[in-house]
Amino acid sequence: MKRLLTISILLFGLTFTSFAQNKTAVLGDGSAKLIKVYPTPASAAINFDFQRGFDKSFYLQLYNFMGKKVYEVKTNAPHYNLPLVDFFRGIYVYQLRDKSGKILQSGKFQVVK
């Protein structure tokens, strides 16, 4: 049983590590970053600033450490402020997706309370 638990933890760790890697799609104009996330770590709110190439059809999705989607919003402005009242302390992964669901950029941020 202990061996099975160790294998499960190792597999989960590899899966989460792969999931949380920063990924960035390169736009046609050669720019790399679409989104700037700050402050990190955050305690009260986190800011998402959308850079060159901003399109209102982008979706911002947030996942907790276990990989469960905890928040999703369709972006409608070049800046988005997310209050962290309903978020627990921990590491979160964000994904910026286009309207077809393709991941354009992902990364992580930390919530400390």
N, C-alpha and C. Protein backbone atom coordinates (compact mmCIF):
# COMPACT_ATOMS: atom_id res chain seq x y z
N MET A 1 0.82 -1.19 0.00
CA MET A 1 0.00 0.00 0.00
C MET A 1 0.87 1.26 0.00
N LYS A 2 1.93 1.24 0.82
CA LYS A 2 2.82 2.40 0.90
C LYS A 2 3.49 2.66 -0.44
N ARG A 3 3.86 1.59 -1.14
CA ARG A 3 4.51 1.74 -2.45
C ARG A 3 3.54 2.35 -3.46
N LEU A 4 2.29 1.91 -3.42
CA LEU A 4 1.28 2.46 -4.33
C LEU A 4 1.07 3.95 -4.06
N LEU A 5 1.04 4.33 -2.80
CA LEU A 5 0.89 5.74 -2.45
C LEU A 5 2.06 6.57 -2.96
N THR A 6 3.28 6.04 -2.81
CA THR A 6 4.47 6.74 -3.29
C THR A 6 4.43 6.92 -4.80
N ILE A 7 4.02 5.88 -5.51
CA ILE A 7 3.93 5.96 -6.98
C ILE A 7 2.87 6.98 -7.37
N SER A 8 1.72 6.98 -6.68
CA SER A 8 0.66 7.94 -6.97
C SER A 8 1.14 9.37 -6.77
N ILE A 9 1.86 9.61 -5.69
CA ILE A 9 2.38 10.96 -5.41
C ILE A 9 3.37 11.37 -6.48
N LEU A 10 4.24 10.47 -6.89
CA LEU A 10 5.21 10.79 -7.93
C LEU A 10 4.50 11.11 -9.24
N LEU A 11 3.51 10.32 -9.62
CA LEU A 11 2.79 10.57 -10.86
C LEU A 11 2.03 11.88 -10.80
N PHE A 12 1.37 12.16 -9.66
CA PHE A 12 0.66 13.42 -9.52
C PHE A 12 1.63 14.59 -9.60
N GLY A 13 2.78 14.47 -8.96
CA GLY A 13 3.78 15.54 -9.00
C GLY A 13 4.25 15.82 -10.41
N LEU A 14 4.49 14.77 -11.19
CA LEU A 14 4.91 14.96 -12.57
C LEU A 14 3.81 15.60 -13.39
N THR A 15 2.57 15.16 -13.18
CA THR A 15 1.45 15.72 -13.92
C THR A 15 1.26 17.19 -13.59
N PHE A 16 1.29 17.54 -12.30
CA PHE A 16 1.09 18.93 -11.92
C PHE A 16 2.24 19.79 -12.40
N THR A 17 3.47 19.28 -12.31
CA THR A 17 4.63 20.04 -12.77
C THR A 17 4.49 20.35 -14.25
N SER A 18 4.06 19.38 -15.04
CA SER A 18 3.86 19.61 -16.46
C SER A 18 2.76 20.63 -16.70
N PHE A 19 1.68 20.52 -15.91
CA PHE A 19 0.54 21.41 -16.05
C PHE A 19 0.90 22.85 -15.70
N ALA A 20 1.76 23.03 -14.71
CA ALA A 20 2.06 24.37 -14.20
C ALA A 20 3.21 25.06 -14.91
N GLN A 21 3.83 24.42 -15.87
CA GLN A 21 4.94 25.04 -16.58
C GLN A 21 4.44 26.29 -17.29
N ASN A 22 5.25 27.32 -17.28
CA ASN A 22 4.89 28.53 -18.00
C ASN A 22 4.94 28.24 -19.49
N LYS A 23 3.84 28.50 -20.16
CA LYS A 23 3.77 28.31 -21.60
C LYS A 23 3.34 29.63 -22.22
N THR A 24 3.96 29.97 -23.33
CA THR A 24 3.63 31.20 -24.00
C THR A 24 3.57 30.96 -25.50
N ALA A 25 2.50 31.39 -26.11
CA ALA A 25 2.39 31.29 -27.56
C ALA A 25 3.00 32.54 -28.16
N VAL A 26 3.69 32.39 -29.26
CA VAL A 26 4.30 33.53 -29.93
C VAL A 26 3.31 34.07 -30.93
N LEU A 27 3.05 35.36 -30.86
CA LEU A 27 2.13 36.00 -31.79
C LEU A 27 2.81 36.27 -33.11
N GLY A 28 2.01 36.57 -34.10
CA GLY A 28 2.55 36.82 -35.44
C GLY A 28 3.52 37.98 -35.48
N ASP A 29 3.40 38.95 -34.59
CA ASP A 29 4.29 40.10 -34.61
C ASP A 29 5.58 39.85 -33.83
N GLY A 30 5.76 38.61 -33.31
CA GLY A 30 7.01 38.27 -32.63
C GLY A 30 7.00 38.53 -31.14
N SER A 31 5.96 39.19 -30.61
CA SER A 31 5.91 39.42 -29.17
C SER A 31 5.58 38.11 -28.47
N ALA A 32 6.06 37.96 -27.26
CA ALA A 32 5.89 36.69 -26.57
C ALA A 32 4.85 36.76 -25.45
N LYS A 33 4.89 37.77 -24.62
CA LYS A 33 4.01 37.82 -23.45
C LYS A 33 2.71 38.55 -23.76
N LEU A 34 1.60 37.92 -23.42
CA LEU A 34 0.30 38.55 -23.57
C LEU A 34 -0.22 39.10 -22.26
N ILE A 35 0.28 38.56 -21.15
CA ILE A 35 -0.30 38.89 -19.86
C ILE A 35 0.79 39.08 -18.82
N LYS A 36 0.60 40.09 -17.97
CA LYS A 36 1.50 40.34 -16.85
C LYS A 36 0.68 40.15 -15.58
N VAL A 37 1.19 39.35 -14.65
CA VAL A 37 0.47 39.04 -13.42
C VAL A 37 1.26 39.59 -12.24
N TYR A 38 0.59 40.37 -11.38
CA TYR A 38 1.25 40.95 -10.22
C TYR A 38 0.22 41.34 -9.18
N PRO A 39 0.53 41.52 -7.92
CA PRO A 39 1.79 41.12 -7.30
C PRO A 39 1.78 39.62 -7.02
N THR A 40 2.92 39.06 -6.93
CA THR A 40 3.01 37.66 -6.54
C THR A 40 4.16 37.51 -5.58
N PRO A 41 3.94 37.07 -4.40
CA PRO A 41 2.66 36.57 -3.90
C PRO A 41 1.66 37.69 -3.65
N ALA A 42 0.38 37.32 -3.64
CA ALA A 42 -0.70 38.28 -3.44
C ALA A 42 -1.51 37.89 -2.21
N SER A 43 -2.08 38.90 -1.57
CA SER A 43 -2.90 38.60 -0.39
C SER A 43 -4.34 39.10 -0.54
N ALA A 44 -4.55 40.25 -1.10
CA ALA A 44 -5.90 40.81 -1.20
C ALA A 44 -6.48 40.72 -2.61
N ALA A 45 -5.65 40.96 -3.62
CA ALA A 45 -6.10 40.95 -5.01
C ALA A 45 -4.91 40.66 -5.91
N ILE A 46 -5.21 40.18 -7.11
CA ILE A 46 -4.16 39.94 -8.12
C ILE A 46 -4.57 40.67 -9.39
N ASN A 47 -3.61 41.25 -10.08
CA ASN A 47 -3.86 42.01 -11.30
C ASN A 47 -3.36 41.25 -12.52
N PHE A 48 -4.15 41.32 -13.57
CA PHE A 48 -3.78 40.75 -14.86
C PHE A 48 -3.80 41.88 -15.87
N ASP A 49 -2.64 42.23 -16.42
CA ASP A 49 -2.54 43.25 -17.46
C ASP A 49 -2.30 42.56 -18.79
N PHE A 50 -3.17 42.81 -19.74
CA PHE A 50 -3.06 42.19 -21.06
C PHE A 50 -2.25 43.10 -21.98
N GLN A 51 -1.22 42.55 -22.57
CA GLN A 51 -0.27 43.32 -23.37
C GLN A 51 -0.71 43.39 -24.84
N ARG A 52 0.24 43.74 -25.70
CA ARG A 52 -0.03 43.80 -27.14
C ARG A 52 -0.69 42.52 -27.61
N GLY A 53 -1.61 42.62 -28.53
CA GLY A 53 -2.30 41.46 -29.05
C GLY A 53 -3.56 41.14 -28.27
N PHE A 54 -3.94 42.05 -27.35
CA PHE A 54 -5.14 41.83 -26.55
C PHE A 54 -6.36 41.71 -27.46
N ASP A 55 -7.20 40.73 -27.17
CA ASP A 55 -8.41 40.49 -27.94
C ASP A 55 -9.52 40.18 -26.95
N LYS A 56 -10.67 40.77 -27.11
CA LYS A 56 -11.75 40.58 -26.15
C LYS A 56 -12.29 39.15 -26.13
N SER A 57 -11.86 38.31 -27.03
CA SER A 57 -12.35 36.94 -27.05
C SER A 57 -11.46 35.99 -26.25
N PHE A 58 -10.50 36.52 -25.49
CA PHE A 58 -9.66 35.69 -24.65
C PHE A 58 -10.40 35.30 -23.37
N TYR A 59 -10.09 34.12 -22.86
CA TYR A 59 -10.64 33.63 -21.60
C TYR A 59 -9.50 33.43 -20.62
N LEU A 60 -9.71 33.87 -19.39
CA LEU A 60 -8.74 33.67 -18.32
C LEU A 60 -9.31 32.61 -17.40
N GLN A 61 -8.56 31.53 -17.21
CA GLN A 61 -8.99 30.44 -16.34
C GLN A 61 -7.98 30.26 -15.23
N LEU A 62 -8.47 30.01 -14.02
CA LEU A 62 -7.61 29.78 -12.86
C LEU A 62 -7.88 28.39 -12.30
N TYR A 63 -6.80 27.70 -11.93
CA TYR A 63 -6.88 26.36 -11.39
C TYR A 63 -6.15 26.33 -10.05
N ASN A 64 -6.69 25.52 -9.11
CA ASN A 64 -6.00 25.37 -7.83
C ASN A 64 -4.89 24.33 -7.96
N PHE A 65 -4.21 24.05 -6.86
CA PHE A 65 -3.07 23.13 -6.86
C PHE A 65 -3.47 21.72 -7.29
N MET A 66 -4.71 21.35 -7.05
CA MET A 66 -5.18 20.01 -7.40
C MET A 66 -5.61 19.92 -8.86
N GLY A 67 -5.57 21.02 -9.59
CA GLY A 67 -5.94 21.02 -11.00
C GLY A 67 -7.41 21.28 -11.25
N LYS A 68 -8.15 21.68 -10.23
CA LYS A 68 -9.58 21.97 -10.38
C LYS A 68 -9.75 23.43 -10.80
N LYS A 69 -10.58 23.65 -11.83
CA LYS A 69 -10.84 25.02 -12.27
C LYS A 69 -11.66 25.71 -11.18
N VAL A 70 -11.15 26.85 -10.70
CA VAL A 70 -11.82 27.58 -9.63
C VAL A 70 -12.37 28.93 -10.09
N TYR A 71 -11.99 29.36 -11.30
CA TYR A 71 -12.45 30.67 -11.77
C TYR A 71 -12.26 30.75 -13.28
N GLU A 72 -13.20 31.41 -13.94
CA GLU A 72 -13.08 31.66 -15.38
C GLU A 72 -13.80 32.96 -15.70
N VAL A 73 -13.19 33.75 -16.56
CA VAL A 73 -13.79 35.00 -16.99
C VAL A 73 -13.38 35.27 -18.43
N LYS A 74 -14.32 35.82 -19.20
CA LYS A 74 -14.00 36.30 -20.54
C LYS A 74 -13.48 37.72 -20.36
N THR A 75 -12.28 37.97 -20.85
CA THR A 75 -11.69 39.29 -20.67
C THR A 75 -12.43 40.32 -21.50
N ASN A 76 -12.58 41.51 -20.94
CA ASN A 76 -13.27 42.57 -21.67
C ASN A 76 -12.59 43.93 -21.49
N ALA A 77 -11.38 43.91 -20.94
CA ALA A 77 -10.62 45.15 -20.74
C ALA A 77 -9.13 44.81 -20.74
N PRO A 78 -8.27 45.80 -20.96
CA PRO A 78 -6.83 45.53 -20.95
C PRO A 78 -6.27 45.28 -19.55
N HIS A 79 -7.09 45.47 -18.52
CA HIS A 79 -6.65 45.22 -17.13
C HIS A 79 -7.79 44.51 -16.39
N TYR A 80 -7.42 43.50 -15.61
CA TYR A 80 -8.43 42.79 -14.80
C TYR A 80 -7.90 42.63 -13.39
N ASN A 81 -8.67 43.08 -12.41
CA ASN A 81 -8.31 42.97 -11.00
C ASN A 81 -9.22 41.93 -10.36
N LEU A 82 -8.62 40.90 -9.77
CA LEU A 82 -9.38 39.82 -9.16
C LEU A 82 -9.20 39.84 -7.65
N PRO A 83 -10.25 40.18 -6.90
CA PRO A 83 -10.17 40.10 -5.44
C PRO A 83 -10.02 38.64 -5.01
N LEU A 84 -9.20 38.41 -4.01
CA LEU A 84 -8.89 37.04 -3.59
C LEU A 84 -9.65 36.63 -2.33
N VAL A 85 -10.79 37.25 -2.09
CA VAL A 85 -11.59 36.96 -0.90
C VAL A 85 -11.96 35.48 -0.82
N ASP A 86 -12.37 34.89 -1.93
CA ASP A 86 -12.83 33.50 -1.95
C ASP A 86 -11.72 32.49 -2.26
N PHE A 87 -10.48 32.95 -2.31
CA PHE A 87 -9.36 32.07 -2.62
C PHE A 87 -8.63 31.68 -1.34
N PHE A 88 -8.26 30.41 -1.26
CA PHE A 88 -7.48 29.93 -0.13
C PHE A 88 -6.00 30.17 -0.40
N ARG A 89 -5.22 30.12 0.63
CA ARG A 89 -3.77 30.24 0.53
C ARG A 89 -3.24 29.08 -0.32
N GLY A 90 -2.29 29.38 -1.22
CA GLY A 90 -1.70 28.32 -2.03
C GLY A 90 -1.24 28.81 -3.38
N ILE A 91 -0.88 27.86 -4.22
CA ILE A 91 -0.40 28.12 -5.58
C ILE A 91 -1.57 27.93 -6.55
N TYR A 92 -1.71 28.85 -7.47
CA TYR A 92 -2.75 28.77 -8.50
C TYR A 92 -2.09 28.88 -9.87
N VAL A 93 -2.70 28.24 -10.83
CA VAL A 93 -2.22 28.26 -12.22
C VAL A 93 -3.24 29.05 -13.03
N TYR A 94 -2.74 29.96 -13.87
CA TYR A 94 -3.64 30.67 -14.78
C TYR A 94 -3.37 30.22 -16.20
N GLN A 95 -4.41 30.24 -17.01
CA GLN A 95 -4.29 29.96 -18.43
C GLN A 95 -5.07 31.02 -19.20
N LEU A 96 -4.45 31.59 -20.21
CA LEU A 96 -5.10 32.52 -21.10
C LEU A 96 -5.39 31.74 -22.38
N ARG A 97 -6.66 31.63 -22.72
CA ARG A 97 -7.07 30.83 -23.89
C ARG A 97 -7.78 31.71 -24.91
N ASP A 98 -7.64 31.34 -26.18
CA ASP A 98 -8.36 32.05 -27.22
C ASP A 98 -9.77 31.46 -27.34
N LYS A 99 -10.58 32.00 -28.25
CA LYS A 99 -11.98 31.58 -28.34
C LYS A 99 -12.15 30.13 -28.78
N SER A 100 -11.11 29.54 -29.39
CA SER A 100 -11.20 28.13 -29.78
C SER A 100 -10.71 27.20 -28.68
N GLY A 101 -10.20 27.76 -27.57
CA GLY A 101 -9.75 26.94 -26.44
C GLY A 101 -8.26 26.69 -26.40
N LYS A 102 -7.51 27.19 -27.38
CA LYS A 102 -6.06 27.00 -27.41
C LYS A 102 -5.40 27.84 -26.32
N ILE A 103 -4.47 27.22 -25.58
CA ILE A 103 -3.75 27.94 -24.52
C ILE A 103 -2.73 28.87 -25.16
N LEU A 104 -2.86 30.16 -24.89
CA LEU A 104 -1.93 31.16 -25.42
C LEU A 104 -0.80 31.45 -24.44
N GLN A 105 -1.12 31.40 -23.15
CA GLN A 105 -0.09 31.60 -22.13
C GLN A 105 -0.60 31.00 -20.82
N SER A 106 0.33 30.47 -20.05
CA SER A 106 -0.03 29.99 -18.72
C SER A 106 1.11 30.30 -17.77
N GLY A 107 0.81 30.28 -16.51
CA GLY A 107 1.80 30.55 -15.49
C GLY A 107 1.19 30.29 -14.13
N LYS A 108 1.87 30.73 -13.10
CA LYS A 108 1.35 30.48 -11.76
C LYS A 108 1.55 31.71 -10.89
N PHE A 109 0.77 31.76 -9.83
CA PHE A 109 0.92 32.82 -8.83
C PHE A 109 0.58 32.24 -7.47
N GLN A 110 0.99 32.93 -6.43
CA GLN A 110 0.80 32.46 -5.07
C GLN A 110 -0.11 33.39 -4.31
N VAL A 111 -1.02 32.79 -3.52
CA VAL A 111 -1.88 33.55 -2.63
C VAL A 111 -1.41 33.29 -1.21
N VAL A 112 -1.15 34.38 -0.48
CA VAL A 112 -0.76 34.28 0.93
C VAL A 112 -1.74 35.10 1.75
N LYS A 113 -2.24 34.52 2.80
CA LYS A 113 -3.21 35.24 3.66
C LYS A 113 -2.81 35.04 5.10
